[in-house]
Each structure stands twice: as structure tokens, then as C-alpha cells.
């Protein structure tokens, strides 16, 4: 197995996640979002687990995934921020046609 670092994803020698913007190592990942679909191309059911462990699973959840980019299946997004530069970001895993894609996004949500 080959180790690799997708664009925007970096770790230090102790396996600490580095900020995708400034490469600082004081990074917090606080929220988890899932845009689930029971079947391919069906309605999206958003779920949010916040930094206090509270779970919301309804259509009032504001997903950190750009409109129209959820794809045909599921998306899992872990959102975080950096103490060094205050940047907010999302680490996103998207299932599409049997393949999984990874992206690092700048904050585009409220």
C-alpha cells in the first residue's frame, strides 16, 4: 500500500493533521455531516453531529457541501478550523458510481 497526500491534506511526522491553508498543526475537527441517500439519485437525508455530540437529522441541517455537488450517493464531510490562521474547512468523502472521491473545501456554509 502506498501512502499519499491528496491535495490539501497533510500530516506532520507524528501523524497530526495540518491545516490545509497554513499547514499549522493546531487543527480542530468538530462536526460531522452526512448527506445520505437510501438509493442512488434518491432524496438526500442530511445528518449533523455537532461538537457537543448532539445529532440532528432533518431537512433544516445546512450541509457544508456545495449545492449540486452531492452526487448520486452519499457524502461524509468533517468540518474543522485552525487555531493558527482561523481558516475553516471541510474534509469530504463522496461516493459516486462505485468510487470514493476526496476533497478539501474552504468554508462555503453558514
N, C-alpha and C. Protein backbone atom coordinates (compact mmCIF):
# COMPACT_ATOMS: atom_id res chain seq x y z
N UNK A 1 0.84 -1.18 0.00
CA UNK A 1 0.00 0.00 0.00
C UNK A 1 0.89 1.24 0.00
N UNK A 2 0.56 2.20 -0.82
CA UNK A 2 1.33 3.43 -0.94
C UNK A 2 0.64 4.55 -0.17
N UNK A 3 1.39 5.25 0.65
CA UNK A 3 0.85 6.40 1.37
C UNK A 3 0.88 7.60 0.43
N UNK A 4 -0.13 8.42 0.50
CA UNK A 4 -0.17 9.61 -0.35
C UNK A 4 -0.89 10.72 0.38
N UNK A 5 -0.74 11.92 -0.10
CA UNK A 5 -1.40 13.08 0.49
C UNK A 5 -2.21 13.78 -0.60
N UNK A 6 -3.53 13.56 -0.64
CA UNK A 6 -4.35 14.27 -1.62
C UNK A 6 -4.20 15.78 -1.45
N UNK A 7 -4.48 16.49 -2.51
CA UNK A 7 -4.34 17.94 -2.50
C UNK A 7 -5.03 18.54 -1.27
N UNK A 8 -4.28 19.32 -0.50
CA UNK A 8 -4.83 19.99 0.67
C UNK A 8 -4.75 19.19 1.95
N UNK A 9 -4.44 17.91 1.87
CA UNK A 9 -4.39 17.08 3.07
C UNK A 9 -2.93 16.79 3.40
N UNK A 10 -2.51 17.17 4.61
CA UNK A 10 -1.12 16.96 5.01
C UNK A 10 -1.06 16.62 6.49
N UNK A 11 -0.03 15.85 6.84
CA UNK A 11 0.21 15.44 8.21
C UNK A 11 1.67 15.70 8.55
N UNK A 12 1.96 15.89 9.84
CA UNK A 12 3.35 16.04 10.24
C UNK A 12 3.93 14.66 10.56
N UNK A 13 5.18 14.63 11.02
CA UNK A 13 5.87 13.36 11.29
C UNK A 13 5.23 12.55 12.41
N UNK A 14 4.39 13.19 13.24
CA UNK A 14 3.68 12.48 14.31
C UNK A 14 2.24 12.16 13.93
N UNK A 15 1.91 12.27 12.65
CA UNK A 15 0.58 11.97 12.09
C UNK A 15 -0.49 12.96 12.52
N UNK A 16 -0.10 14.16 12.93
CA UNK A 16 -1.08 15.21 13.24
C UNK A 16 -1.55 15.84 11.93
N UNK A 17 -2.86 16.04 11.83
CA UNK A 17 -3.43 16.72 10.67
C UNK A 17 -2.95 18.16 10.65
N UNK A 18 -2.52 18.63 9.50
CA UNK A 18 -2.09 20.02 9.33
C UNK A 18 -3.18 20.81 8.63
N UNK A 19 -3.25 22.08 8.94
CA UNK A 19 -4.24 22.96 8.32
C UNK A 19 -4.05 22.96 6.81
N UNK A 20 -5.12 22.77 6.05
CA UNK A 20 -4.99 22.78 4.60
C UNK A 20 -4.63 24.15 4.02
N UNK A 21 -4.71 25.20 4.86
CA UNK A 21 -4.42 26.55 4.38
C UNK A 21 -3.03 27.03 4.77
N UNK A 22 -2.67 26.90 6.06
CA UNK A 22 -1.38 27.44 6.52
C UNK A 22 -0.39 26.36 6.97
N UNK A 23 -0.83 25.11 7.00
CA UNK A 23 -0.02 23.96 7.44
C UNK A 23 0.29 24.00 8.94
N UNK A 24 -0.45 24.82 9.70
CA UNK A 24 -0.32 24.82 11.15
C UNK A 24 -0.84 23.51 11.73
N UNK A 25 -0.34 23.13 12.92
CA UNK A 25 -0.75 21.84 13.49
C UNK A 25 -1.76 21.97 14.64
N UNK A 26 -2.31 23.16 14.86
CA UNK A 26 -3.37 23.32 15.86
C UNK A 26 -4.72 23.34 15.15
N UNK A 27 -5.14 22.15 14.74
CA UNK A 27 -6.34 21.98 13.93
C UNK A 27 -7.40 21.25 14.74
N UNK A 28 -8.63 21.70 14.62
CA UNK A 28 -9.76 21.07 15.31
C UNK A 28 -10.75 20.56 14.26
N UNK A 29 -11.19 19.32 14.40
CA UNK A 29 -12.26 18.78 13.57
C UNK A 29 -13.43 18.57 14.53
N UNK A 30 -14.48 19.38 14.36
CA UNK A 30 -15.53 19.46 15.36
C UNK A 30 -16.89 18.92 14.96
N UNK A 31 -17.19 18.87 13.69
CA UNK A 31 -18.53 18.49 13.25
C UNK A 31 -18.46 17.43 12.16
N UNK A 32 -19.47 16.58 12.15
CA UNK A 32 -19.59 15.56 11.10
C UNK A 32 -20.95 15.72 10.43
N UNK A 33 -20.94 15.68 9.11
CA UNK A 33 -22.16 15.78 8.32
C UNK A 33 -22.24 14.58 7.39
N UNK A 34 -23.45 14.09 7.20
CA UNK A 34 -23.67 13.02 6.22
C UNK A 34 -24.85 13.44 5.36
N UNK A 35 -24.64 13.40 4.05
CA UNK A 35 -25.73 13.57 3.10
C UNK A 35 -26.02 12.17 2.59
N UNK A 36 -26.99 11.52 3.22
CA UNK A 36 -27.29 10.13 2.90
C UNK A 36 -28.42 10.00 1.89
N UNK A 37 -28.33 8.97 1.11
CA UNK A 37 -29.40 8.63 0.16
C UNK A 37 -29.70 7.14 0.32
N UNK A 38 -30.96 6.78 0.53
CA UNK A 38 -31.29 5.36 0.66
C UNK A 38 -31.05 4.58 -0.64
N UNK A 39 -31.16 5.27 -1.77
CA UNK A 39 -30.91 4.67 -3.08
C UNK A 39 -30.21 5.70 -3.95
N UNK A 40 -29.52 5.24 -4.95
CA UNK A 40 -28.85 6.13 -5.89
C UNK A 40 -29.83 7.14 -6.47
N UNK A 41 -29.44 8.41 -6.47
CA UNK A 41 -30.22 9.52 -7.02
C UNK A 41 -31.53 9.80 -6.29
N UNK A 42 -31.74 9.20 -5.11
CA UNK A 42 -32.97 9.48 -4.37
C UNK A 42 -32.78 10.73 -3.50
N UNK A 43 -33.80 11.07 -2.75
CA UNK A 43 -33.77 12.26 -1.89
C UNK A 43 -32.62 12.18 -0.89
N UNK A 44 -32.03 13.34 -0.61
CA UNK A 44 -30.93 13.43 0.36
C UNK A 44 -31.51 13.59 1.76
N UNK A 45 -30.98 12.80 2.71
CA UNK A 45 -31.35 12.92 4.12
C UNK A 45 -30.13 13.43 4.87
N UNK A 46 -30.12 14.72 5.26
CA UNK A 46 -28.95 15.28 5.93
C UNK A 46 -28.92 14.96 7.43
N UNK A 47 -27.71 14.68 7.92
CA UNK A 47 -27.48 14.40 9.34
C UNK A 47 -26.29 15.23 9.78
N UNK A 48 -26.38 15.80 10.99
CA UNK A 48 -25.29 16.60 11.55
C UNK A 48 -25.04 16.15 12.98
N UNK A 49 -23.78 15.84 13.29
CA UNK A 49 -23.36 15.58 14.67
C UNK A 49 -22.43 16.73 15.04
N UNK A 50 -22.84 17.54 16.03
CA UNK A 50 -22.04 18.72 16.36
C UNK A 50 -20.97 18.40 17.40
N UNK A 51 -20.21 19.42 17.76
CA UNK A 51 -19.07 19.24 18.65
C UNK A 51 -19.46 18.91 20.09
N UNK A 52 -20.75 18.95 20.41
CA UNK A 52 -21.19 18.53 21.74
C UNK A 52 -21.86 17.16 21.70
N UNK A 53 -21.86 16.52 20.53
CA UNK A 53 -22.43 15.18 20.40
C UNK A 53 -23.91 15.17 20.08
N UNK A 54 -24.49 16.34 19.88
CA UNK A 54 -25.91 16.41 19.53
C UNK A 54 -26.11 16.01 18.08
N UNK A 55 -27.16 15.25 17.82
CA UNK A 55 -27.45 14.77 16.47
C UNK A 55 -28.73 15.41 15.96
N UNK A 56 -28.66 15.96 14.76
CA UNK A 56 -29.84 16.48 14.07
C UNK A 56 -29.95 15.75 12.75
N UNK A 57 -31.12 15.26 12.47
CA UNK A 57 -31.35 14.52 11.22
C UNK A 57 -32.66 14.99 10.62
N UNK A 58 -32.62 16.13 9.98
CA UNK A 58 -33.81 16.65 9.31
C UNK A 58 -33.38 17.62 8.22
N UNK A 59 -34.33 18.11 7.48
CA UNK A 59 -34.01 18.97 6.34
C UNK A 59 -33.60 20.38 6.73
N UNK A 60 -33.57 20.70 8.03
CA UNK A 60 -33.06 22.00 8.46
C UNK A 60 -31.54 22.01 8.58
N UNK A 61 -30.90 20.83 8.45
CA UNK A 61 -29.44 20.74 8.52
C UNK A 61 -28.83 21.43 7.30
N UNK A 62 -27.93 22.37 7.56
CA UNK A 62 -27.24 23.11 6.50
C UNK A 62 -25.95 22.37 6.17
N UNK A 63 -25.95 21.59 5.11
CA UNK A 63 -24.78 20.79 4.73
C UNK A 63 -23.66 21.68 4.21
N UNK A 64 -22.39 21.35 4.53
CA UNK A 64 -21.26 22.12 4.02
C UNK A 64 -20.81 21.67 2.64
N UNK A 65 -21.74 21.16 1.87
CA UNK A 65 -21.44 20.62 0.55
C UNK A 65 -22.13 21.54 -0.46
N UNK A 66 -21.38 22.05 -1.44
CA UNK A 66 -21.98 22.98 -2.40
C UNK A 66 -23.21 22.38 -3.09
N UNK A 67 -24.20 23.21 -3.28
CA UNK A 67 -25.43 22.80 -3.96
C UNK A 67 -25.09 22.17 -5.31
N UNK A 68 -25.70 21.05 -5.60
CA UNK A 68 -25.47 20.38 -6.87
C UNK A 68 -24.23 19.51 -6.92
N UNK A 69 -23.47 19.42 -5.82
CA UNK A 69 -22.24 18.62 -5.83
C UNK A 69 -22.31 17.43 -4.88
N UNK A 70 -23.50 17.09 -4.43
CA UNK A 70 -23.63 15.95 -3.54
C UNK A 70 -23.38 14.65 -4.29
N UNK A 71 -23.73 14.60 -5.54
CA UNK A 71 -23.51 13.38 -6.32
C UNK A 71 -24.69 12.44 -6.22
N UNK A 72 -24.49 11.22 -6.67
CA UNK A 72 -25.58 10.25 -6.76
C UNK A 72 -25.76 9.42 -5.50
N UNK A 73 -24.77 9.38 -4.63
CA UNK A 73 -24.84 8.54 -3.43
C UNK A 73 -24.60 9.39 -2.18
N UNK A 74 -23.75 8.94 -1.31
CA UNK A 74 -23.53 9.57 -0.01
C UNK A 74 -22.33 10.50 -0.03
N UNK A 75 -22.36 11.47 0.88
CA UNK A 75 -21.21 12.33 1.13
C UNK A 75 -21.03 12.42 2.64
N UNK A 76 -19.79 12.25 3.10
CA UNK A 76 -19.45 12.44 4.51
C UNK A 76 -18.48 13.61 4.56
N UNK A 77 -18.78 14.57 5.41
CA UNK A 77 -17.96 15.78 5.50
C UNK A 77 -17.62 16.05 6.95
N UNK A 78 -16.33 16.19 7.23
CA UNK A 78 -15.84 16.53 8.57
C UNK A 78 -15.36 17.97 8.52
N UNK A 79 -15.96 18.83 9.34
CA UNK A 79 -15.58 20.25 9.29
C UNK A 79 -14.68 20.61 10.46
N UNK A 80 -13.79 21.55 10.19
CA UNK A 80 -12.85 21.95 11.22
C UNK A 80 -12.36 23.37 11.03
N UNK A 81 -11.44 23.74 11.92
CA UNK A 81 -10.86 25.08 11.88
C UNK A 81 -9.45 25.03 12.44
N UNK A 82 -8.69 26.07 12.13
CA UNK A 82 -7.29 26.14 12.53
C UNK A 82 -7.09 27.27 13.54
N UNK A 83 -6.41 26.96 14.64
CA UNK A 83 -6.10 27.99 15.65
C UNK A 83 -5.09 29.00 15.12
N UNK A 84 -4.21 28.58 14.24
CA UNK A 84 -3.13 29.44 13.75
C UNK A 84 -3.64 30.53 12.81
N UNK A 85 -4.44 30.15 11.80
CA UNK A 85 -4.87 31.13 10.79
C UNK A 85 -6.38 31.37 10.79
N UNK A 86 -7.12 30.68 11.65
CA UNK A 86 -8.59 30.80 11.77
C UNK A 86 -9.36 30.31 10.55
N UNK A 87 -8.69 29.65 9.62
CA UNK A 87 -9.39 29.12 8.44
C UNK A 87 -10.37 28.04 8.85
N UNK A 88 -11.48 27.98 8.13
CA UNK A 88 -12.47 26.92 8.31
C UNK A 88 -12.47 26.08 7.04
N UNK A 89 -12.62 24.76 7.21
CA UNK A 89 -12.51 23.85 6.08
C UNK A 89 -13.37 22.62 6.29
N UNK A 90 -13.54 21.85 5.24
CA UNK A 90 -14.25 20.57 5.30
C UNK A 90 -13.42 19.51 4.59
N UNK A 91 -13.32 18.35 5.22
CA UNK A 91 -12.70 17.17 4.60
C UNK A 91 -13.86 16.32 4.11
N UNK A 92 -13.93 16.08 2.82
CA UNK A 92 -15.13 15.50 2.22
C UNK A 92 -14.83 14.19 1.50
N UNK A 93 -15.65 13.19 1.78
CA UNK A 93 -15.58 11.89 1.11
C UNK A 93 -16.90 11.71 0.36
N UNK A 94 -16.82 11.51 -0.95
CA UNK A 94 -18.03 11.40 -1.76
C UNK A 94 -18.04 10.08 -2.52
N UNK A 95 -19.15 9.37 -2.42
CA UNK A 95 -19.36 8.12 -3.13
C UNK A 95 -20.07 8.43 -4.45
N UNK A 96 -19.50 7.96 -5.56
CA UNK A 96 -20.11 8.21 -6.86
C UNK A 96 -19.76 7.07 -7.82
N UNK A 97 -20.78 6.37 -8.28
CA UNK A 97 -20.62 5.28 -9.24
C UNK A 97 -19.57 4.25 -8.81
N UNK A 98 -19.64 3.84 -7.55
CA UNK A 98 -18.75 2.79 -7.06
C UNK A 98 -17.36 3.25 -6.69
N UNK A 99 -17.10 4.55 -6.79
CA UNK A 99 -15.79 5.07 -6.44
C UNK A 99 -15.94 6.12 -5.35
N UNK A 100 -14.89 6.30 -4.55
CA UNK A 100 -14.90 7.29 -3.49
C UNK A 100 -13.91 8.39 -3.82
N UNK A 101 -14.39 9.63 -3.77
CA UNK A 101 -13.57 10.81 -4.05
C UNK A 101 -13.32 11.57 -2.76
N UNK A 102 -12.18 12.24 -2.69
CA UNK A 102 -11.83 13.04 -1.52
C UNK A 102 -11.58 14.47 -1.96
N UNK A 103 -12.03 15.43 -1.14
CA UNK A 103 -11.77 16.85 -1.41
C UNK A 103 -11.60 17.60 -0.10
N UNK A 104 -10.81 18.65 -0.15
CA UNK A 104 -10.72 19.60 0.96
C UNK A 104 -11.36 20.87 0.46
N UNK A 105 -12.34 21.37 1.20
CA UNK A 105 -13.07 22.57 0.78
C UNK A 105 -12.89 23.69 1.79
N UNK A 106 -12.82 24.91 1.29
CA UNK A 106 -12.89 26.08 2.16
C UNK A 106 -14.33 26.24 2.61
N UNK A 107 -14.54 26.91 3.72
CA UNK A 107 -15.89 27.08 4.23
C UNK A 107 -16.77 27.79 3.21
N UNK A 108 -17.90 27.16 2.90
CA UNK A 108 -18.87 27.77 1.99
C UNK A 108 -20.27 27.66 2.58
N UNK A 109 -20.32 27.47 3.89
CA UNK A 109 -21.60 27.31 4.57
C UNK A 109 -21.66 28.32 5.71
N UNK A 110 -22.86 28.49 6.26
CA UNK A 110 -23.06 29.48 7.33
C UNK A 110 -22.49 29.03 8.65
